[in-house]
Amino acid sequence: AMFHSDFEDFGVDSSFWDQWLFDHVDALFNRSAGDPKLRALIDSDKTAYFLHLVAADCNGHGFRPYSETYYNTIRKFDVGIKKLVERFEREFPDKSTAYVFSSDHGMSDRGNHGDGAWENTETPLVAWGAGVGSPGTPRPDQPGSPAAWHLDPIERMDVRQADVTPLMSVLLGVPIPLNSVGVLPVGYFGATDPKFQVSSLFQNAQQILAQVRVKNARQAELSAWITPFSGLAEADESLIPQVHSLIDAGRYQEAERISRQLIQLSLDGLRYYQTYSWAFLMSTICAGYAGWIALLLVVVFRDYTAVGMQYERSAAFRNRSDKGHATLVNAGAAVAAFGYCVYMYCQSSPAHYYAYSFFPIVFWRYVFMNWSFVRYAFGALAPSIGTDAWLLLGAVCLLELLVVSYYQRAVLSACFVVLGLWPLLGTVFPRASQAVRYWWLACCCVTAVFPLLPVEAEGNIFLVCLGGVLGLGLA
């Protein structure tokens, strides 16, 4: 069953969506009592029931996570899950049902998600039922759960979101999907059957390794110049036979260690092939950007500055040899374009790779066609380069500070403080009175406080009104 689009209204309490889903599960089981075919499908082995409970997400967006509406949603959610599990246990009394509870994302205090903040990327993963071990006690070197969760004596076992796929596959008893890159979290199975755990982890390693083999074969078909991933030989000749021998000998801990080594080697192989063309592409794109910047500098200095007018009256302009120089530049551009095309054809590169290489050739051809002016401009500007170097260095440093401020907002506070002290330490604004200078410092220091405040905070109408009153007063 799926939601109808008419239900999608983020302006109302969306708890009824979850209740709608719970009711449909009940209706499904009730209907199966009089439908043998449906009952046979329900009772079939290796069946997964996927329930997408959306009310928490929708009410978090619409009312924010700390609202009473959201808390009521969670309370109803808990009651619904409890009744759902009880219904499943009645329908499947053989105690062979496993439950996996998780989420695709978190949420910030403002009801948003999508960035890399921990509250948006860390999600719950709770598993119980058949095949799942009991929770252990945390070791001293393990991170603990937040105190508000009241889970202090229970071991916290963090995994990547991709690891949920092999976990569910093993619990269901089905093969792990071919393109999965998750690593089986064997700790969720407890200490029930070490041979089963290690064998499942080994199958997980072989499943990821199979992807590396496929990518290697495809690259070999596309290009004779491919350098294969060196770890493939190690996996086939050494690691896989070792794991087989260790499992047969009952040395499960060593088998688990080498299986994990094989998984890491396979993940490295996947990354090797995924990034195989990165060096070529990034070099080409950087050359294109650099060529575009150089082209713009040539056009601006030649057509819109005094340097260009001086050049047109200079001996360098009169003595330039356009024909021979243009022939040489065009020949170089043609050779470069031909070399690019041959290389990409041998690599069976897609069509848009040719476009990437086209732009830097065009841009740099233009620059070298105006090489006489470039040499003249360097000579004319050389005396002032040393004077302006500090200004250029300062501009670069300011840009880097802006980049760093995206990750460390305190940098903005330090910049405001320096900006406030600047008039007091130098001869800037010579006509400004001392009172104005100190008033400027006070305003900068007050502004410097704001980057230090939490990014995610509840709205405060009092502060908004106070800011408006102060703004009108200062105006």
Protein backbone atom coordinates (compact mmCIF):
# COMPACT_ATOMS: atom_id res chain seq x y z
CA ALA A 1 0.00 0.00 0.00
CA MET A 2 1.19 3.52 -0.75
CA PHE A 3 0.14 6.98 0.42
CA HIS A 4 -2.06 9.04 -1.83
CA SER A 5 -0.56 12.36 -2.86
CA ASP A 6 -3.57 14.19 -1.31
CA PHE A 7 -2.23 13.19 2.12
CA GLU A 8 0.94 15.25 1.66
CA ASP A 9 0.22 18.33 3.77
CA PHE A 10 3.15 19.48 5.92
CA GLY A 11 0.97 22.07 7.64
CA VAL A 12 -0.98 19.53 9.70
CA ASP A 13 -0.08 16.82 12.21
CA SER A 14 1.00 13.88 10.06
CA SER A 15 0.67 11.18 12.73
CA PHE A 16 -2.32 9.75 10.90
CA TRP A 17 0.07 8.62 8.13
CA ASP A 18 1.73 6.12 10.45
CA GLN A 19 -1.63 5.01 11.82
CA TRP A 20 -2.82 4.52 8.24
CA LEU A 21 0.16 2.23 7.65
CA PHE A 22 -0.38 0.26 10.87
CA ASP A 23 -4.06 -0.19 9.96
CA HIS A 24 -3.13 -1.50 6.52
CA VAL A 25 -0.79 -4.09 8.06
CA ASP A 26 -3.63 -5.26 10.32
CA ALA A 27 -6.01 -5.33 7.36
CA LEU A 28 -3.53 -7.41 5.37
CA PHE A 29 -3.32 -10.07 8.06
CA ASN A 30 -7.08 -10.02 8.65
CA ARG A 31 -7.76 -10.46 4.95
CA SER A 32 -5.38 -13.42 4.77
CA ALA A 33 -7.65 -15.41 7.10
CA GLY A 34 -10.13 -15.87 4.24
CA ASP A 35 -7.64 -15.88 1.36
CA PRO A 36 -5.47 -19.05 1.20
CA LYS A 37 -3.35 -17.69 -1.63
CA LEU A 38 -2.51 -14.52 0.30
CA ARG A 39 -1.88 -16.57 3.43
CA ALA A 40 0.56 -18.76 1.52
CA LEU A 41 2.46 -15.67 0.38
CA ILE A 42 2.58 -14.31 3.93
CA ASP A 43 3.81 -17.63 5.32
CA SER A 44 6.48 -18.09 2.65
CA ASP A 45 10.09 -18.16 3.81
CA LYS A 46 12.57 -15.27 3.45
CA THR A 47 9.92 -12.58 3.24
CA ALA A 48 10.73 -8.96 4.09
CA TYR A 49 8.12 -6.45 5.27
CA PHE A 50 9.23 -2.87 4.68
CA LEU A 51 7.31 -0.18 6.58
CA HIS A 52 8.15 3.44 5.81
CA LEU A 53 6.94 5.47 8.80
CA VAL A 54 7.03 9.10 7.68
CA ALA A 55 5.19 11.04 10.41
CA ALA A 56 8.33 11.80 12.44
CA ASP A 57 10.07 13.23 9.39
CA CYS A 58 7.08 15.29 8.24
CA ASN A 59 6.23 16.67 11.68
CA GLY A 60 9.91 17.38 12.29
CA HIS A 61 9.92 19.51 9.14
CA GLY A 62 6.59 21.13 9.82
CA PHE A 63 6.73 21.68 13.61
CA ARG A 64 10.45 21.09 14.45
CA PRO A 65 11.82 18.26 16.57
CA TYR A 66 11.33 19.93 19.97
CA SER A 67 7.67 20.77 19.48
CA GLU A 68 4.87 19.11 21.41
CA THR A 69 3.45 17.86 18.11
CA TYR A 70 6.69 16.00 17.41
CA TYR A 71 6.78 14.49 20.92
CA ASN A 72 3.19 13.30 20.52
CA THR A 73 4.18 11.76 17.19
CA ILE A 74 6.96 9.78 18.88
CA ARG A 75 4.57 8.59 21.62
CA LYS A 76 2.07 7.36 19.03
CA PHE A 77 4.95 5.86 17.08
CA ASP A 78 6.09 3.83 20.10
CA VAL A 79 2.58 2.52 20.75
CA GLY A 80 2.16 1.62 17.09
CA ILE A 81 5.47 -0.25 16.92
CA LYS A 82 4.63 -2.17 20.10
CA LYS A 83 1.27 -3.30 18.70
CA LEU A 84 2.86 -4.09 15.33
CA VAL A 85 5.48 -6.38 16.88
CA GLU A 86 2.80 -8.11 18.97
CA ARG A 87 0.75 -8.71 15.82
CA PHE A 88 3.74 -10.15 13.96
CA GLU A 89 4.52 -12.45 16.87
CA ARG A 90 0.93 -13.74 16.79
CA GLU A 91 1.00 -14.24 13.04
CA PHE A 92 4.42 -15.95 13.10
CA PRO A 93 4.66 -17.84 16.40
CA ASP A 94 7.74 -19.84 15.31
CA LYS A 95 10.04 -17.11 16.72
CA SER A 96 11.87 -16.83 13.40
CA THR A 97 11.12 -13.16 12.77
CA ALA A 98 13.87 -10.54 12.98
CA TYR A 99 13.25 -6.80 13.29
CA VAL A 100 15.54 -4.00 12.09
CA PHE A 101 14.65 -0.43 12.98
CA SER A 102 16.58 2.45 11.41
CA SER A 103 16.29 5.79 9.63
CA ASP A 104 17.68 7.25 6.44
CA HIS A 105 18.75 10.56 8.04
CA GLY A 106 18.63 12.66 11.18
CA MET A 107 17.36 16.20 11.66
CA SER A 108 18.59 19.53 12.99
CA ASP A 109 16.84 21.63 15.62
CA ARG A 110 15.25 23.67 12.84
CA GLY A 111 13.74 20.65 11.14
CA ASN A 112 16.25 20.48 8.29
CA HIS A 113 18.65 17.84 7.02
CA GLY A 114 20.98 17.37 4.11
CA ASP A 115 24.31 18.76 5.33
CA GLY A 116 27.14 16.89 7.01
CA ALA A 117 26.36 17.84 10.62
CA TRP A 118 26.34 14.86 12.99
CA GLU A 119 22.71 15.36 14.00
CA ASN A 120 21.76 14.93 10.34
CA THR A 121 23.99 11.97 9.52
CA GLU A 122 23.83 9.84 12.68
CA THR A 123 20.76 7.62 12.76
CA PRO A 124 19.49 4.86 15.05
CA LEU A 125 19.96 1.19 14.25
CA VAL A 126 18.17 -1.23 16.55
CA ALA A 127 17.86 -4.95 15.77
CA TRP A 128 16.13 -7.69 17.75
CA GLY A 129 14.44 -11.02 17.22
CA ALA A 130 15.60 -14.19 15.50
CA GLY A 131 19.33 -14.37 14.79
CA VAL A 132 20.14 -11.20 16.72
CA GLY A 133 22.33 -11.50 19.79
CA SER A 134 21.71 -9.87 23.15
CA PRO A 135 23.38 -6.49 23.76
CA GLY A 136 26.74 -6.62 25.47
CA THR A 137 28.39 -4.27 27.94
CA PRO A 138 30.61 -1.50 26.55
CA ARG A 139 34.37 -1.72 26.80
CA PRO A 140 36.28 1.23 28.31
CA ASP A 141 37.70 2.20 24.89
CA GLN A 142 34.27 2.32 23.22
CA PRO A 143 32.23 5.52 22.88
CA GLY A 144 29.21 5.65 25.14
CA SER A 145 25.67 6.65 24.29
CA PRO A 146 24.36 10.12 25.23
CA ALA A 147 23.12 10.28 28.82
CA ALA A 148 19.64 11.34 27.67
CA TRP A 149 19.19 7.94 26.02
CA HIS A 150 19.52 6.07 29.35
CA LEU A 151 21.46 3.28 27.64
CA ASP A 152 24.69 3.46 29.66
CA PRO A 153 25.10 -0.28 30.46
CA ILE A 154 24.35 -1.35 26.86
CA GLU A 155 27.08 -1.62 24.25
CA ARG A 156 26.89 0.90 21.44
CA MET A 157 27.80 -0.64 18.08
CA ASP A 158 28.18 2.00 15.35
CA VAL A 159 28.05 0.95 11.70
CA ARG A 160 27.85 2.67 8.34
CA GLN A 161 24.43 3.02 6.76
CA ALA A 162 25.54 0.75 3.90
CA ASP A 163 26.22 -2.02 6.45
CA VAL A 164 22.48 -2.41 7.08
CA THR A 165 22.14 -4.13 3.69
CA PRO A 166 24.33 -7.18 4.46
CA LEU A 167 22.85 -7.32 7.97
CA MET A 168 19.30 -7.64 6.62
CA SER A 169 20.42 -10.05 3.88
CA VAL A 170 22.03 -12.44 6.36
CA LEU A 171 19.04 -12.24 8.72
CA LEU A 172 16.76 -13.11 5.79
CA GLY A 173 19.08 -15.86 4.55
CA VAL A 174 19.39 -14.38 1.06
CA PRO A 175 22.52 -13.40 -0.92
CA ILE A 176 23.90 -9.92 -0.31
CA PRO A 177 23.01 -7.64 -3.27
CA LEU A 178 25.79 -7.60 -5.85
CA ASN A 179 26.48 -3.84 -5.76
CA SER A 180 26.41 -3.48 -1.99
CA VAL A 181 29.58 -2.07 -0.39
CA GLY A 182 28.39 -2.64 3.18
CA VAL A 183 30.41 -4.66 5.67
CA LEU A 184 28.47 -7.21 7.69
CA PRO A 185 28.33 -6.10 11.37
CA VAL A 186 28.86 -9.54 12.89
CA GLY A 187 28.61 -8.09 16.39
CA TYR A 188 24.84 -7.91 15.98
CA PHE A 189 24.64 -11.71 15.94
CA GLY A 190 26.16 -12.12 19.40
CA ALA A 191 28.13 -15.29 20.18
CA THR A 192 25.54 -17.74 18.91
CA ASP A 193 27.43 -19.51 16.10
CA PRO A 194 30.98 -18.29 15.36
CA LYS A 195 31.31 -20.45 12.24
CA PHE A 196 28.11 -18.98 10.78
CA GLN A 197 29.30 -15.44 11.54
CA VAL A 198 32.72 -15.91 9.96
CA SER A 199 31.30 -17.75 6.94
CA SER A 200 28.80 -14.92 6.40
CA LEU A 201 31.56 -12.31 6.67
CA PHE A 202 33.68 -14.30 4.21
CA GLN A 203 30.77 -14.41 1.75
CA ASN A 204 30.44 -10.65 2.21
CA ALA A 205 34.13 -10.26 1.34
CA GLN A 206 33.77 -12.40 -1.79
CA GLN A 207 30.68 -10.43 -2.84
CA ILE A 208 32.61 -7.13 -2.71
CA LEU A 209 35.62 -8.74 -4.40
CA ALA A 210 33.34 -9.87 -7.24
CA GLN A 211 32.61 -6.21 -7.98
CA VAL A 212 36.33 -5.53 -8.29
CA ARG A 213 36.70 -8.44 -10.72
CA VAL A 214 33.82 -7.13 -12.86
CA LYS A 215 35.27 -3.61 -12.96
CA ASN A 216 38.71 -4.99 -13.84
CA ALA A 217 37.25 -7.07 -16.69
CA ARG A 218 35.27 -4.12 -18.04
CA GLN A 219 38.31 -1.83 -17.95
CA ALA A 220 40.38 -4.49 -19.72
CA GLU A 221 37.72 -4.70 -22.46
CA LEU A 222 37.69 -0.93 -22.88
CA SER A 223 41.42 -0.30 -22.92
CA ALA A 224 44.60 -2.22 -23.50
CA TRP A 225 46.47 0.40 -21.43
CA ILE A 226 44.69 -0.37 -18.18
CA THR A 227 46.85 -0.99 -15.12
CA PRO A 228 44.96 -3.66 -13.13
CA PHE A 229 44.51 -3.42 -9.39
CA SER A 230 47.46 -5.21 -7.81
CA GLY A 231 45.43 -6.57 -4.90
CA LEU A 232 43.46 -8.98 -7.09
CA ALA A 233 46.36 -11.40 -7.32
CA GLU A 234 46.91 -11.28 -3.55
CA ALA A 235 43.24 -12.00 -2.91
CA ASP A 236 43.06 -14.98 -5.27
CA GLU A 237 46.43 -16.53 -4.48
CA SER A 238 46.73 -15.89 -0.75
CA LEU A 239 43.79 -14.50 1.23
CA ILE A 240 40.89 -16.62 -0.07
CA PRO A 241 42.70 -19.99 0.38
CA GLN A 242 43.78 -18.90 3.87
CA VAL A 243 40.22 -18.17 4.98
CA HIS A 244 38.99 -21.50 3.65
CA SER A 245 41.71 -23.35 5.56
CA LEU A 246 41.14 -21.42 8.79
CA ILE A 247 37.36 -22.01 8.76
CA ASP A 248 37.89 -25.73 8.15
CA ALA A 249 40.34 -25.79 11.05
CA GLY A 250 37.94 -24.01 13.38
CA ARG A 251 40.25 -20.97 13.81
CA TYR A 252 37.43 -18.47 13.48
CA GLN A 253 39.08 -15.39 14.95
CA GLU A 254 41.94 -15.58 12.46
CA ALA A 255 39.49 -16.28 9.66
CA GLU A 256 37.49 -13.19 10.65
CA ARG A 257 40.65 -11.05 10.70
CA ILE A 258 41.72 -12.13 7.21
CA SER A 259 38.14 -11.80 5.91
CA ARG A 260 38.14 -8.19 7.08
CA GLN A 261 41.52 -7.73 5.41
CA LEU A 262 40.01 -9.10 2.20
CA ILE A 263 37.03 -6.73 2.51
CA GLN A 264 39.31 -3.72 2.94
CA LEU A 265 41.43 -4.83 0.00
CA SER A 266 38.28 -5.15 -2.13
CA LEU A 267 37.01 -1.71 -1.09
CA ASP A 268 40.42 -0.29 -2.01
CA GLY A 269 40.07 -2.00 -5.38
CA LEU A 270 36.65 -0.45 -5.97
CA ARG A 271 37.98 2.99 -5.14
CA TYR A 272 40.97 2.36 -7.43
CA TYR A 273 38.71 1.78 -10.43
CA GLN A 274 36.22 4.49 -9.48
CA THR A 275 39.01 7.07 -9.37
CA TYR A 276 41.10 5.60 -12.19
CA SER A 277 40.59 8.61 -14.50
CA TRP A 278 40.56 11.27 -11.81
CA ALA A 279 44.17 12.41 -12.32
CA PHE A 280 43.63 12.92 -16.06
CA LEU A 281 40.25 14.61 -15.64
CA MET A 282 41.31 16.90 -12.80
CA SER A 283 44.48 17.93 -14.65
CA THR A 284 42.44 18.68 -17.77
CA ILE A 285 39.80 20.67 -15.88
CA CYS A 286 42.45 22.63 -13.94
CA ALA A 287 44.23 23.41 -17.21
CA GLY A 288 40.92 24.65 -18.59
CA TYR A 289 40.25 26.94 -15.63
CA ALA A 290 43.82 28.25 -15.68
CA GLY A 291 43.54 28.86 -19.43
CA TRP A 292 40.26 30.73 -19.00
CA ILE A 293 41.80 32.96 -16.31
CA ALA A 294 44.85 33.63 -18.50
CA LEU A 295 42.61 34.43 -21.49
CA LEU A 296 40.59 36.94 -19.45
CA LEU A 297 43.75 38.61 -18.15
CA VAL A 298 45.09 38.97 -21.69
CA VAL A 299 41.82 40.49 -22.95
CA VAL A 300 41.44 42.88 -20.01
CA PHE A 301 45.04 44.12 -20.00
CA ARG A 302 45.25 44.37 -23.79
CA ASP A 303 41.93 46.09 -24.50
CA TYR A 304 41.05 48.00 -21.33
CA THR A 305 44.29 49.21 -19.70
CA ALA A 306 47.11 51.61 -20.48
CA VAL A 307 49.43 48.64 -20.91
CA GLY A 308 47.53 47.62 -24.02
CA MET A 309 47.68 51.11 -25.53
CA GLN A 310 51.42 51.34 -24.78
CA TYR A 311 51.92 47.95 -26.40
CA GLU A 312 50.27 49.09 -29.65
CA ARG A 313 52.75 51.99 -29.85
CA SER A 314 55.77 49.87 -28.91
CA ALA A 315 58.46 48.22 -31.04
CA ALA A 316 57.31 44.81 -29.79
CA PHE A 317 53.97 45.35 -31.54
CA ARG A 318 55.55 46.54 -34.78
CA ASN A 319 58.19 43.78 -34.90
CA ARG A 320 55.94 40.83 -34.09
CA SER A 321 55.81 38.05 -36.71
CA ASP A 322 52.14 37.10 -36.79
CA LYS A 323 52.23 34.55 -39.62
CA GLY A 324 55.03 32.32 -38.45
CA HIS A 325 53.98 32.54 -34.81
CA ALA A 326 50.36 31.73 -35.62
CA THR A 327 51.42 28.72 -37.68
CA LEU A 328 53.52 27.39 -34.81
CA VAL A 329 50.72 27.92 -32.24
CA ASN A 330 48.07 26.33 -34.46
CA ALA A 331 50.33 23.36 -35.11
CA GLY A 332 50.93 22.91 -31.39
CA ALA A 333 47.18 23.11 -30.68
CA ALA A 334 46.46 20.57 -33.42
CA VAL A 335 49.10 18.16 -32.07
CA ALA A 336 47.72 18.54 -28.53
CA ALA A 337 44.14 17.94 -29.71
CA PHE A 338 45.19 14.90 -31.73
CA GLY A 339 47.13 13.48 -28.77
CA TYR A 340 44.16 13.99 -26.45
CA CYS A 341 41.80 12.30 -28.91
CA VAL A 342 44.11 9.31 -29.43
CA TYR A 343 44.57 8.83 -25.68
CA MET A 344 40.83 9.06 -24.94
CA TYR A 345 39.94 6.81 -27.87
CA CYS A 346 42.33 4.14 -26.61
CA GLN A 347 40.79 4.49 -23.16
CA SER A 348 37.24 4.25 -24.62
CA SER A 349 36.42 7.50 -22.83
CA PRO A 350 32.84 8.87 -23.00
CA ALA A 351 32.03 11.75 -25.33
CA HIS A 352 32.00 14.48 -22.67
CA TYR A 353 35.67 13.74 -21.87
CA TYR A 354 36.50 15.11 -25.33
CA ALA A 355 34.73 18.36 -24.41
CA TYR A 356 36.80 18.63 -21.23
CA SER A 357 40.00 18.52 -23.29
CA PHE A 358 38.64 20.88 -25.97
CA PHE A 359 38.31 23.93 -23.73
CA PRO A 360 41.89 24.13 -22.38
CA ILE A 361 43.29 23.78 -25.89
CA VAL A 362 41.11 26.64 -27.17
CA PHE A 363 41.87 28.91 -24.21
CA TRP A 364 45.63 28.35 -24.21
CA ARG A 365 45.79 28.69 -27.99
CA TYR A 366 44.36 32.21 -27.62
CA VAL A 367 46.90 33.06 -24.92
CA PHE A 368 49.87 31.85 -26.97
CA MET A 369 48.57 33.65 -30.07
CA ASN A 370 49.01 36.84 -28.03
CA TRP A 371 52.37 35.80 -26.60
CA SER A 372 54.06 38.97 -27.82
CA PHE A 373 51.69 41.05 -25.70
CA VAL A 374 52.06 38.70 -22.72
CA ARG A 375 55.84 39.18 -22.73
CA TYR A 376 55.47 42.95 -23.09
CA ALA A 377 52.92 43.12 -20.24
CA PHE A 378 55.17 41.13 -17.91
CA GLY A 379 58.03 43.50 -18.66
CA ALA A 380 55.88 46.59 -18.13
CA LEU A 381 54.33 45.34 -14.88
CA ALA A 382 57.48 43.76 -13.41
CA PRO A 383 58.58 46.88 -11.45
CA SER A 384 55.23 47.06 -9.61
CA ILE A 385 54.90 43.35 -8.93
CA GLY A 386 57.00 43.57 -5.76
CA THR A 387 54.90 46.48 -4.44
CA ASP A 388 51.59 44.77 -5.13
CA ALA A 389 52.70 41.32 -3.95
CA TRP A 390 51.76 42.05 -0.33
CA LEU A 391 48.33 43.24 -1.43
CA LEU A 392 47.84 40.07 -3.46
CA LEU A 393 49.03 37.91 -0.57
CA GLY A 394 46.62 39.68 1.78
CA ALA A 395 43.71 39.07 -0.61
CA VAL A 396 44.60 35.36 -0.86
CA CYS A 397 44.80 35.09 2.94
CA LEU A 398 41.38 36.73 3.33
CA LEU A 399 39.87 34.29 0.86
CA GLU A 400 41.41 31.36 2.74
CA LEU A 401 40.02 32.72 6.02
CA LEU A 402 36.56 32.80 4.46
CA VAL A 403 36.96 29.15 3.46
CA VAL A 404 38.14 28.17 6.95
CA SER A 405 35.21 30.07 8.50
CA TYR A 406 32.81 27.56 6.95
CA TYR A 407 34.24 24.97 9.35
CA GLN A 408 35.49 27.18 12.22
CA ARG A 409 33.11 30.09 12.74
CA ALA A 410 35.36 31.56 15.45
CA VAL A 411 37.60 32.78 12.60
CA LEU A 412 34.88 35.31 11.72
CA SER A 413 34.87 36.57 15.32
CA ALA A 414 38.64 37.07 15.22
CA CYS A 415 38.30 38.97 11.93
CA PHE A 416 35.70 41.30 13.45
CA VAL A 417 37.97 42.02 16.43
CA VAL A 418 40.91 42.81 14.13
CA LEU A 419 38.64 45.00 12.02
CA GLY A 420 37.57 46.87 15.16
CA LEU A 421 41.18 47.46 16.31
CA TRP A 422 42.40 48.52 12.89
CA PRO A 423 41.45 52.24 13.16
CA LEU A 424 43.06 52.41 16.63
CA LEU A 425 46.40 50.90 15.58
CA GLY A 426 47.03 52.76 12.32
CA THR A 427 46.38 55.99 10.48
CA VAL A 428 43.14 54.78 8.92
CA PHE A 429 40.31 57.31 8.94
CA PRO A 430 42.49 60.24 10.09
CA ARG A 431 39.52 62.58 10.38
CA ALA A 432 37.51 60.28 12.68
CA SER A 433 37.36 61.34 16.30
CA GLN A 434 38.56 59.07 19.11
CA ALA A 435 34.95 58.54 20.23
CA VAL A 436 33.97 57.30 16.77
CA ARG A 437 36.94 54.92 16.74
CA TYR A 438 35.94 53.40 20.08
CA TRP A 439 32.30 53.21 18.99
CA TRP A 440 33.44 51.34 15.90
CA LEU A 441 35.45 48.92 18.08
CA ALA A 442 32.44 48.29 20.34
CA CYS A 443 30.17 47.55 17.37
CA CYS A 444 32.71 45.13 15.87
CA CYS A 445 33.15 43.33 19.20
CA VAL A 446 29.39 42.94 19.62
CA THR A 447 29.12 41.60 16.07
CA ALA A 448 31.97 39.19 16.81
CA VAL A 449 29.78 37.45 19.38
CA PHE A 450 27.26 36.17 16.85
CA PRO A 451 29.51 33.67 15.00
CA LEU A 452 30.23 32.06 18.38
CA LEU A 453 26.55 31.39 19.09
CA PRO A 454 25.03 28.00 18.17
CA VAL A 455 24.04 27.73 14.55
CA GLU A 456 20.92 25.75 15.44
CA ALA A 457 18.85 27.61 18.03
CA GLU A 458 15.17 28.14 18.70
CA GLY A 459 13.72 31.46 17.56
CA ASN A 460 13.41 34.13 20.23
CA ILE A 461 10.81 36.79 19.45
CA PHE A 462 12.06 38.98 22.31
CA LEU A 463 15.55 39.17 20.82
CA VAL A 464 14.13 39.89 17.37
CA CYS A 465 12.05 42.79 18.70
CA LEU A 466 14.97 44.07 20.80
CA GLY A 467 17.18 44.05 17.72
CA GLY A 468 14.59 46.04 15.79
CA VAL A 469 14.32 48.64 18.57
CA LEU A 470 18.11 48.98 18.78
CA GLY A 471 18.32 49.29 15.01
CA LEU A 472 15.77 52.10 14.99
CA GLY A 473 17.54 53.81 17.87
CA LEU A 474 20.90 53.73 16.13
CA ALA A 475 19.36 54.97 12.90
